[in-house]
C-alpha cells in the first residue's frame, strides 16, 4: 500500500485490510514522503498489529513505492492497494479460496467507484468484470476482457502470484504516470492459469486532488507513451504470442497513443509528443500499431483535418441512419 498525504482516508483503508476474513498476510505500507499525518496514523496501527510493516522513502511516486514493496514482500501472492480505497472484508478469502482450489496464478475481480463528486462514478463502469470461472491462460483472459470492453489496468482489481514478477523480472517503470497501463498486460500474458469474477470486492474512492482527478499535464502524455513502449518491448521479446493476444496488445498500444495525442492537443505540446514518439518507436512499429498515429507524426495538418471531419460529419451521419 503506497501512501502519500491521505491522512483523511488511511484509517478506513487500513481497517478494510486488517478486517479481512483471510488473515494470513503481511501489509507493507510504503510511505512515499508524506508531509501530513499519514505516517503517524499508519504507525499507530503497526504498533498494535505485527502483520504491518512500514517502509519510508522520499517522494518518488506510486511506481517506485510499489516496486519497493515488491522487493520487500515475503508473500507468495501480491495485491496492490491504495491508501484511500476500500476492500470488501471477504475479498482475500474469496480470491485465495479460488487460487488454491483451481491452482491459479492470477485472479481478476470487479470493483465500483464511490465519490462525493457528482457523476464521478460513471467513468468507472469498466471496473465490472464478467464471470470467467473456467481457468484459462492469462493472455486468453486478457483477450476476452478486452473483447468484452471489461479490461482495466488498475492493479487494485487483480491478485497474482509473486512468481510472475520474480521469474520475468517485472517491475513498474519509475518516474512515470500510467505505469500500470504498461505492466498489467504483461502480467496477464505471463500468467499460466487465470479467472475473472463478477464479485464486486474493491471500492475505488474518487476524490479531488488525487492522481486520477488532477489536471492533465505533459507528464501524463509521457506516461502513456512509455506504457505503449513497454508493451512494444514485451512483444519484441515474445515469440509465443497467439494472434488474438498480439492484436489485443496492439489495441492497447493504439488506445494509449491516441490518448496521448488527444491530451497533447489540449496542452498544445504536439511537437514535444512527436519528438517523444520518434524516440520510442520506429516507423514500421507505428504503422503496425496505428496508421493514424503515423499520420499524426508525418502529416499533422491532414490528421487534424480528418479528426475534424470525423467529429462533425460522422455524428450527423449517425443521426440520419438512426432516423
Protein backbone atom coordinates (compact mmCIF):
# COMPACT_ATOMS: atom_id res chain seq x y z
CA UNK A 1 0.00 0.00 0.00
CA UNK A 2 1.72 3.20 -1.16
CA UNK A 3 0.60 6.23 0.85
CA UNK A 4 1.10 9.91 0.17
CA UNK A 5 -0.84 12.57 2.09
CA UNK A 6 -4.01 10.53 2.63
CA UNK A 7 -4.49 11.13 6.36
CA UNK A 8 -8.24 11.72 5.88
CA UNK A 9 -8.73 8.26 4.39
CA UNK A 10 -5.92 5.96 5.50
CA UNK A 11 -7.62 4.66 8.66
CA UNK A 12 -10.59 3.36 6.66
CA UNK A 13 -8.24 1.81 4.09
CA UNK A 14 -6.06 0.04 6.67
CA UNK A 15 -9.07 -1.23 8.63
CA UNK A 16 -10.58 -2.71 5.48
CA UNK A 17 -7.39 -4.78 5.17
CA UNK A 18 -6.95 -5.71 8.82
CA UNK A 19 -10.59 -6.82 9.00
CA UNK A 20 -10.22 -9.37 6.18
CA UNK A 21 -11.69 -12.82 6.85
CA UNK A 22 -8.47 -14.30 5.45
CA UNK A 23 -5.79 -13.05 7.83
CA UNK A 24 -2.55 -14.76 6.79
CA UNK A 25 -0.98 -11.75 5.07
CA UNK A 26 1.57 -9.00 5.51
CA UNK A 27 0.58 -5.41 4.88
CA UNK A 28 3.56 -3.46 3.57
CA UNK A 29 2.89 0.27 3.74
CA UNK A 30 5.28 2.40 1.69
CA UNK A 31 5.28 5.96 2.96
CA UNK A 32 6.10 7.94 -0.18
CA UNK A 33 7.35 11.09 1.52
CA UNK A 34 4.05 12.11 3.11
CA UNK A 35 4.03 15.58 4.70
CA UNK A 36 0.72 15.18 6.59
CA UNK A 37 -0.23 12.76 9.37
CA UNK A 38 -0.40 9.67 7.14
CA UNK A 39 2.79 8.12 8.52
CA UNK A 40 1.87 8.62 12.19
CA UNK A 41 -1.60 7.14 11.64
CA UNK A 42 -0.08 4.11 9.90
CA UNK A 43 2.50 3.75 12.68
CA UNK A 44 -0.26 3.62 15.31
CA UNK A 45 -1.76 0.61 13.51
CA UNK A 46 1.66 -1.03 13.09
CA UNK A 47 2.28 -0.74 16.83
CA UNK A 48 -0.75 -2.93 17.53
CA UNK A 49 -0.59 -5.39 14.62
CA UNK A 50 2.61 -7.23 13.72
CA UNK A 51 1.32 -8.00 10.20
CA UNK A 52 2.06 -4.39 9.24
CA UNK A 53 5.46 -3.23 8.04
CA UNK A 54 6.17 0.40 7.21
CA UNK A 55 8.95 1.49 4.87
CA UNK A 56 9.58 5.16 4.15
CA UNK A 57 11.18 6.74 1.10
CA UNK A 58 11.42 10.22 -0.32
CA UNK A 59 8.55 11.19 -2.61
CA UNK A 60 9.25 9.17 -5.76
CA UNK A 61 5.70 8.38 -6.87
CA UNK A 62 3.49 5.28 -6.73
CA UNK A 63 5.52 3.23 -9.22
CA UNK A 64 8.69 3.45 -7.12
CA UNK A 65 6.67 2.80 -3.96
CA UNK A 66 5.08 -0.31 -5.43
CA UNK A 67 8.45 -1.60 -6.64
CA UNK A 68 9.91 -1.12 -3.17
CA UNK A 69 7.00 -3.06 -1.71
CA UNK A 70 7.50 -5.89 -4.22
CA UNK A 71 11.19 -6.16 -3.41
CA UNK A 72 10.45 -6.38 0.32
CA UNK A 73 7.48 -8.74 0.13
CA UNK A 74 7.64 -12.25 1.59
CA UNK A 75 4.22 -13.48 0.49
CA UNK A 76 3.52 -15.95 -2.31
CA UNK A 77 0.80 -13.71 -3.78
CA UNK A 78 0.65 -9.96 -4.31
CA UNK A 79 -2.19 -7.49 -4.08
CA UNK A 80 -1.75 -3.74 -4.63
CA UNK A 81 -3.97 -1.36 -2.70
CA UNK A 82 -4.08 2.42 -2.39
CA UNK A 83 -4.32 4.31 0.89
CA UNK A 84 -7.66 5.94 0.12
CA UNK A 85 -9.66 2.96 -1.18
CA UNK A 86 -11.63 0.15 0.47
CA UNK A 87 -11.66 -3.64 0.17
CA UNK A 88 -14.68 -5.80 0.97
CA UNK A 89 -13.97 -7.88 4.08
CA UNK A 90 -14.35 -11.20 2.27
CA UNK A 91 -12.23 -10.19 -0.73
CA UNK A 92 -8.99 -12.00 0.12
CA UNK A 93 -10.85 -15.09 1.34
CA UNK A 94 -12.77 -15.39 -1.94
CA UNK A 95 -9.62 -14.91 -4.01
CA UNK A 96 -7.39 -17.26 -2.03
CA UNK A 97 -10.07 -19.96 -1.95
CA UNK A 98 -10.27 -19.89 -5.76
CA UNK A 99 -6.50 -19.68 -6.15
CA UNK A 100 -5.84 -22.87 -4.14
CA UNK A 101 -8.83 -24.78 -5.47
CA UNK A 102 -8.01 -24.09 -9.13
CA UNK A 103 -4.22 -23.65 -8.77
CA UNK A 104 -4.35 -20.14 -10.25
CA UNK A 105 -1.59 -17.60 -10.51
CA UNK A 106 -3.91 -14.69 -11.42
CA UNK A 107 -7.42 -13.78 -10.36
CA UNK A 108 -9.34 -10.72 -11.54
CA UNK A 109 -12.39 -9.32 -9.78
CA UNK A 110 -14.83 -6.46 -10.07
CA UNK A 111 -14.93 -3.09 -8.39
CA UNK A 112 -17.03 0.02 -8.19
CA UNK A 113 -16.39 3.68 -7.56
CA UNK A 114 -17.82 5.84 -4.82
CA UNK A 115 -17.48 9.58 -4.51
CA UNK A 116 -18.87 12.82 -3.14
CA UNK A 117 -18.19 14.34 -6.57
CA UNK A 118 -21.48 14.29 -8.56
CA UNK A 119 -21.39 11.90 -11.50
CA UNK A 120 -17.80 10.75 -10.95
CA UNK A 121 -18.73 7.07 -10.62
CA UNK A 122 -19.99 6.78 -14.20
CA UNK A 123 -16.42 6.97 -15.54
CA UNK A 124 -15.52 3.66 -13.84
CA UNK A 125 -18.02 1.27 -15.41
CA UNK A 126 -15.09 -0.79 -16.79
CA UNK A 127 -14.44 -1.99 -13.22
CA UNK A 128 -17.22 -4.55 -13.70
CA UNK A 129 -15.84 -7.90 -14.86
CA UNK A 130 -17.66 -10.91 -16.29
CA UNK A 131 -17.63 -14.34 -14.69
CA UNK A 132 -15.00 -16.41 -16.49
CA UNK A 133 -14.67 -19.17 -13.93
CA UNK A 134 -13.10 -21.92 -16.03
CA UNK A 135 -9.32 -21.38 -15.82
CA UNK A 136 -7.65 -20.10 -18.96
CA UNK A 137 -4.25 -18.65 -19.72
CA UNK A 138 -3.64 -15.09 -18.58
CA UNK A 139 -3.25 -13.99 -22.19
CA UNK A 140 -6.52 -15.69 -23.06
CA UNK A 141 -8.27 -13.92 -20.19
CA UNK A 142 -6.73 -10.60 -21.21
CA UNK A 143 -8.03 -11.07 -24.76
CA UNK A 144 -11.53 -11.97 -23.59
CA UNK A 145 -11.73 -8.99 -21.23
CA UNK A 146 -10.54 -6.61 -23.94
CA UNK A 147 -13.08 -8.06 -26.36
CA UNK A 148 -15.85 -7.59 -23.76
CA UNK A 149 -14.73 -4.00 -23.06
CA UNK A 150 -14.16 -5.10 -19.46
CA UNK A 151 -10.37 -4.84 -19.22
CA UNK A 152 -8.85 -2.39 -16.76
CA UNK A 153 -5.14 -1.95 -15.99
CA UNK A 154 -5.81 -0.99 -12.35
CA UNK A 155 -3.64 -3.22 -10.13
CA UNK A 156 -6.31 -2.97 -7.42
CA UNK A 157 -8.52 -5.34 -9.43
CA UNK A 158 -6.30 -8.42 -9.53
CA UNK A 159 -4.27 -10.66 -7.24
CA UNK A 160 -1.38 -12.65 -8.67
CA UNK A 161 1.48 -14.98 -7.87
CA UNK A 162 4.77 -13.31 -7.00
CA UNK A 163 6.46 -15.92 -9.20
CA UNK A 164 5.25 -13.94 -12.22
CA UNK A 165 7.28 -10.96 -11.01
CA UNK A 166 10.35 -12.94 -9.96
CA UNK A 167 10.58 -15.24 -12.99
CA UNK A 168 10.08 -12.46 -15.54
CA UNK A 169 11.82 -9.62 -13.67
CA UNK A 170 8.75 -7.40 -13.98
CA UNK A 171 8.54 -4.03 -12.29
CA UNK A 172 6.79 -0.71 -12.79
CA UNK A 173 8.63 1.96 -14.79
CA UNK A 174 9.60 4.50 -12.17
CA UNK A 175 9.08 8.22 -12.63
CA UNK A 176 6.07 7.84 -14.94
CA UNK A 177 2.33 8.19 -14.55
CA UNK A 178 0.06 5.49 -16.01
CA UNK A 179 2.76 2.97 -15.10
CA UNK A 180 0.18 0.22 -14.50
CA UNK A 181 -1.06 0.51 -18.10
CA UNK A 182 2.29 -0.78 -19.33
CA UNK A 183 2.83 -3.53 -16.76
CA UNK A 184 -0.62 -5.03 -16.29
CA UNK A 185 -0.98 -6.54 -19.81
CA UNK A 186 2.44 -8.14 -19.39
CA UNK A 187 1.49 -9.69 -16.03
CA UNK A 188 -1.63 -11.11 -17.69
CA UNK A 189 0.39 -12.58 -20.55
CA UNK A 190 2.87 -14.22 -18.17
CA UNK A 191 0.15 -15.94 -16.10
CA UNK A 192 -0.48 -19.62 -16.81
CA UNK A 193 -3.91 -20.04 -15.18
CA UNK A 194 -6.37 -17.22 -14.54
CA UNK A 195 -10.05 -16.50 -13.97
CA UNK A 196 -12.34 -13.47 -13.69
CA UNK A 197 -15.07 -12.88 -11.10
CA UNK A 198 -18.06 -10.59 -11.29
CA UNK A 199 -17.96 -10.20 -7.48
CA UNK A 200 -17.51 -6.55 -6.50
CA UNK A 201 -14.67 -6.79 -3.99
CA UNK A 202 -12.92 -3.44 -4.44
CA UNK A 203 -14.22 0.08 -3.89
CA UNK A 204 -12.40 2.98 -5.56
CA UNK A 205 -12.66 6.34 -3.84
CA UNK A 206 -12.89 9.12 -6.44
CA UNK A 207 -11.82 12.35 -4.77
CA UNK A 208 -10.42 15.73 -5.59
CA UNK A 209 -6.64 16.26 -5.64
CA UNK A 210 -5.81 12.64 -6.41
CA UNK A 211 -3.69 11.48 -9.35
CA UNK A 212 -6.83 10.36 -11.16
CA UNK A 213 -8.68 13.69 -10.83
CA UNK A 214 -5.96 16.33 -11.16
CA UNK A 215 -5.50 18.24 -14.41
CA UNK A 216 -3.63 16.51 -17.22
CA UNK A 217 -0.04 17.65 -17.87
CA UNK A 218 2.65 16.56 -20.30
CA UNK A 219 3.78 14.15 -17.59
CA UNK A 220 0.60 12.20 -18.33
CA UNK A 221 1.43 12.22 -22.03
CA UNK A 222 4.91 10.89 -21.32
CA UNK A 223 3.47 8.11 -19.16
CA UNK A 224 1.03 6.98 -21.83
CA UNK A 225 3.77 6.79 -24.46
CA UNK A 226 6.11 4.99 -22.07
CA UNK A 227 3.44 2.39 -21.31
CA UNK A 228 2.89 1.78 -25.03
CA UNK A 229 6.66 1.45 -25.43
CA UNK A 230 6.88 -1.07 -22.56
CA UNK A 231 4.26 -3.24 -24.27
CA UNK A 232 6.22 -2.93 -27.51
CA UNK A 233 9.39 -4.22 -25.84
CA UNK A 234 7.46 -7.17 -24.42
CA UNK A 235 6.05 -8.01 -27.86
CA UNK A 236 9.52 -7.91 -29.42
CA UNK A 237 10.89 -10.26 -26.76
CA UNK A 238 7.99 -12.73 -27.05
CA UNK A 239 7.93 -15.39 -29.71
CA UNK A 240 4.95 -17.35 -28.44
CA UNK A 241 2.09 -14.84 -28.63
CA UNK A 242 -1.11 -16.03 -30.22
CA UNK A 243 -2.52 -13.85 -32.97
CA UNK A 244 -5.51 -12.78 -30.86
CA UNK A 245 -3.23 -11.80 -27.97
CA UNK A 246 -0.98 -9.89 -30.33
CA UNK A 247 -3.97 -7.98 -31.69
CA UNK A 248 -5.25 -7.23 -28.17
CA UNK A 249 -1.84 -5.87 -27.12
CA UNK A 250 -1.70 -3.75 -30.26
CA UNK A 251 -5.15 -2.47 -29.41
CA UNK A 252 -3.92 -1.36 -26.00
CA UNK A 253 -0.97 0.42 -27.59
CA UNK A 254 -3.30 2.13 -30.04
CA UNK A 255 -5.55 3.28 -27.20
CA UNK A 256 -2.59 4.63 -25.22
CA UNK A 257 -1.07 6.53 -28.13
CA UNK A 258 -4.38 8.02 -29.21
CA UNK A 259 -4.96 9.20 -25.64
CA UNK A 260 -1.51 10.76 -25.65
CA UNK A 261 -2.32 12.64 -28.87
CA UNK A 262 -5.66 13.84 -27.54
CA UNK A 263 -4.07 15.08 -24.30
CA UNK A 264 -1.17 16.67 -26.14
CA UNK A 265 -3.52 18.59 -28.43
CA UNK A 266 -5.28 20.07 -25.41
CA UNK A 267 -1.93 21.05 -23.91
CA UNK A 268 -0.56 22.38 -27.22
CA UNK A 269 2.53 20.16 -26.86
CA UNK A 270 2.32 18.34 -30.19
CA UNK A 271 5.96 18.94 -31.10
CA UNK A 272 7.15 17.51 -27.79
CA UNK A 273 4.96 14.46 -28.31
CA UNK A 274 6.24 13.94 -31.85
CA UNK A 275 9.85 14.02 -30.64
CA UNK A 276 8.96 11.58 -27.86
CA UNK A 277 7.29 9.12 -30.22
CA UNK A 278 10.26 9.26 -32.59
CA UNK A 279 12.49 8.29 -29.64
CA UNK A 280 10.31 5.36 -28.58
CA UNK A 281 9.11 3.86 -31.90
CA UNK A 282 10.27 3.41 -35.46
CA UNK A 283 8.03 3.98 -38.48
CA UNK A 284 7.24 0.28 -39.02
CA UNK A 285 6.21 -0.16 -35.38
CA UNK A 286 3.86 2.81 -35.51
CA UNK A 287 2.37 1.63 -38.79
CA UNK A 288 1.70 -1.74 -37.19
CA UNK A 289 0.13 -0.16 -34.10
CA UNK A 290 -2.00 2.50 -35.80
CA UNK A 291 -1.58 4.21 -39.19
CA UNK A 292 -3.45 7.21 -37.78
CA UNK A 293 -0.64 7.79 -35.27
CA UNK A 294 1.90 7.72 -38.10
CA UNK A 295 -0.27 10.19 -39.97
CA UNK A 296 -0.17 12.45 -36.91
CA UNK A 297 3.64 12.31 -36.89
CA UNK A 298 4.20 12.88 -40.59
CA UNK A 299 1.20 14.88 -41.76
CA UNK A 300 -0.25 16.60 -38.74
CA UNK A 301 -2.40 19.01 -40.75
CA UNK A 302 -4.11 16.14 -42.62
CA UNK A 303 -4.59 14.23 -39.35
CA UNK A 304 -6.23 17.27 -37.73
CA UNK A 305 -8.48 17.78 -40.74
CA UNK A 306 -9.61 14.15 -40.72
CA UNK A 307 -10.28 14.37 -36.99
CA UNK A 308 -12.48 17.41 -37.62
CA UNK A 309 -14.39 15.58 -40.34
CA UNK A 310 -14.96 12.63 -38.00
CA UNK A 311 -16.18 14.89 -35.19
CA UNK A 312 -18.60 16.98 -37.21
CA UNK A 313 -19.70 14.79 -40.13
CA UNK A 314 -19.88 11.33 -38.58
CA UNK A 315 -22.31 12.24 -35.77
CA UNK A 316 -24.71 13.82 -38.31
CA UNK A 317 -24.46 10.74 -40.49
CA UNK A 318 -25.14 8.58 -37.45
CA UNK A 319 -28.32 10.52 -36.67
CA UNK A 320 -29.54 10.14 -40.25
CA UNK A 321 -29.00 6.38 -40.06
CA UNK A 322 -30.93 6.17 -36.79
CA UNK A 323 -33.84 8.09 -38.27
